[in-house]
Amino acid sequence: SKDLKGAMEILIEQKRQKLSTVEKLDEHMDFASQLIFAQNRGDLTAENVNQCVLEMMIAAPDTLSVTLFFMLILIAEHPTVEEEMMREIDTVMGKQKSLM
């Protein structure tokens, strides 16, 4: 837990340093950036920012895996949708780069 918390603090500090050197902030305004600016304004503490980022990192893989699982089941249950998706992939990526 301490190792993960320390690693998160390092990542947030790296993000903070990057934000201080960019010319156009609007290209780098993601959720972590918003949290850092909220801390700079005094709306959040450093601990709040660390906890939010940590929760995003931990929660994302679980929710993503469940979402992908159900998406794949739905695709398998609807072959016409799968065919349309494959046509779209072929159109965008080209047949040689198709997944199937």
Protein backbone atom coordinates (compact mmCIF):
# COMPACT_ATOMS: atom_id res chain seq x y z
CA SER A 1 0.00 0.00 0.00
CA LYS A 2 2.82 2.41 0.87
CA ASP A 3 4.66 1.49 -2.35
CA LEU A 4 1.57 2.16 -4.45
CA LYS A 5 0.89 5.42 -2.64
CA GLY A 6 4.51 6.51 -3.14
CA ALA A 7 4.40 5.62 -6.83
CA MET A 8 1.17 7.60 -7.22
CA GLU A 9 2.74 10.64 -5.55
CA ILE A 10 5.67 10.44 -7.98
CA LEU A 11 3.32 10.22 -10.99
CA ILE A 12 1.26 13.17 -9.78
CA GLU A 13 4.40 15.23 -9.23
CA GLN A 14 5.60 14.38 -12.75
CA LYS A 15 2.21 15.47 -14.11
CA ARG A 16 2.41 18.69 -12.07
CA GLN A 17 5.87 19.46 -13.50
CA LYS A 18 4.69 18.74 -17.04
CA LEU A 19 1.72 21.09 -16.59
CA SER A 20 4.04 23.86 -15.42
CA THR A 21 6.06 23.70 -18.66
CA VAL A 22 3.39 23.31 -21.35
CA GLU A 23 2.51 26.27 -23.54
CA LYS A 24 -1.12 25.33 -24.27
CA LEU A 25 -2.91 24.01 -21.22
CA ASP A 26 -6.10 23.13 -23.08
CA GLU A 27 -4.30 20.23 -24.82
CA HIS A 28 -3.35 18.71 -21.46
CA MET A 29 -6.51 19.25 -19.40
CA ASP A 30 -7.49 15.75 -18.33
CA PHE A 31 -9.06 14.73 -15.04
CA ALA A 32 -5.72 14.48 -13.22
CA SER A 33 -4.86 18.01 -14.38
CA GLN A 34 -8.19 19.29 -13.08
CA LEU A 35 -7.45 17.69 -9.71
CA ILE A 36 -4.00 19.29 -9.56
CA PHE A 37 -5.44 22.72 -10.36
CA ALA A 38 -8.15 22.22 -7.73
CA GLN A 39 -5.37 21.54 -5.21
CA ASN A 40 -3.50 24.67 -6.38
CA ARG A 41 -6.67 26.72 -5.75
CA GLY A 42 -7.02 25.20 -2.29
CA ASP A 43 -10.18 23.25 -3.12
CA LEU A 44 -8.50 19.87 -2.52
CA THR A 45 -5.63 18.64 -0.41
CA ALA A 46 -2.67 16.68 -1.78
CA GLU A 47 -4.14 13.62 -0.07
CA ASN A 48 -7.48 14.17 -1.88
CA VAL A 49 -5.70 14.33 -5.24
CA ASN A 50 -3.61 11.23 -4.50
CA GLN A 51 -6.69 9.26 -3.39
CA CYS A 52 -8.73 10.24 -6.47
CA VAL A 53 -5.95 9.27 -8.87
CA LEU A 54 -5.30 6.02 -6.99
CA GLU A 55 -8.99 5.08 -7.12
CA MET A 56 -9.10 5.78 -10.86
CA MET A 57 -6.08 3.54 -11.43
CA ILE A 58 -7.46 0.70 -9.32
CA ALA A 59 -11.09 0.86 -10.50
CA ALA A 60 -10.47 1.24 -14.23
CA PRO A 61 -9.17 -2.28 -15.01
CA ASP A 62 -12.07 -3.95 -13.20
CA THR A 63 -14.81 -1.90 -14.84
CA LEU A 64 -13.11 -2.13 -18.22
CA SER A 65 -12.86 -5.91 -18.06
CA VAL A 66 -16.55 -6.28 -17.14
CA THR A 67 -17.58 -3.88 -19.92
CA LEU A 68 -15.48 -5.71 -22.51
CA PHE A 69 -16.83 -9.08 -21.36
CA PHE A 70 -20.45 -8.01 -21.85
CA MET A 71 -19.64 -6.24 -25.12
CA LEU A 72 -18.12 -9.44 -26.50
CA ILE A 73 -21.11 -11.51 -25.36
CA LEU A 74 -23.51 -9.09 -27.06
CA ILE A 75 -21.46 -9.15 -30.26
CA ALA A 76 -21.45 -12.96 -30.22
CA GLU A 77 -25.23 -13.00 -29.78
CA HIS A 78 -25.78 -10.63 -32.73
CA PRO A 79 -23.87 -11.93 -35.78
CA THR A 80 -25.19 -9.21 -38.08
CA VAL A 81 -23.74 -6.55 -35.79
CA GLU A 82 -20.44 -8.46 -35.77
CA GLU A 83 -20.43 -8.51 -39.58
CA GLU A 84 -21.11 -4.76 -39.70
CA MET A 85 -18.28 -4.15 -37.23
CA MET A 86 -15.89 -6.24 -39.30
CA ARG A 87 -16.85 -4.31 -42.45
CA GLU A 88 -16.18 -1.06 -40.60
CA ILE A 89 -12.78 -2.32 -39.41
CA ASP A 90 -11.92 -3.40 -42.95
CA THR A 91 -13.00 0.00 -44.29
CA VAL A 92 -11.00 1.98 -41.76
CA MET A 93 -7.97 -0.26 -41.28
CA GLY A 94 -7.86 -2.16 -44.56
CA LYS A 95 -8.34 -5.88 -45.01
CA GLN A 96 -4.69 -6.72 -44.31
CA LYS A 97 -4.96 -5.19 -40.82
CA SER A 98 -8.31 -6.69 -39.94
CA LEU A 99 -8.60 -8.47 -36.57
CA MET A 100 -10.18 -11.58 -38.08
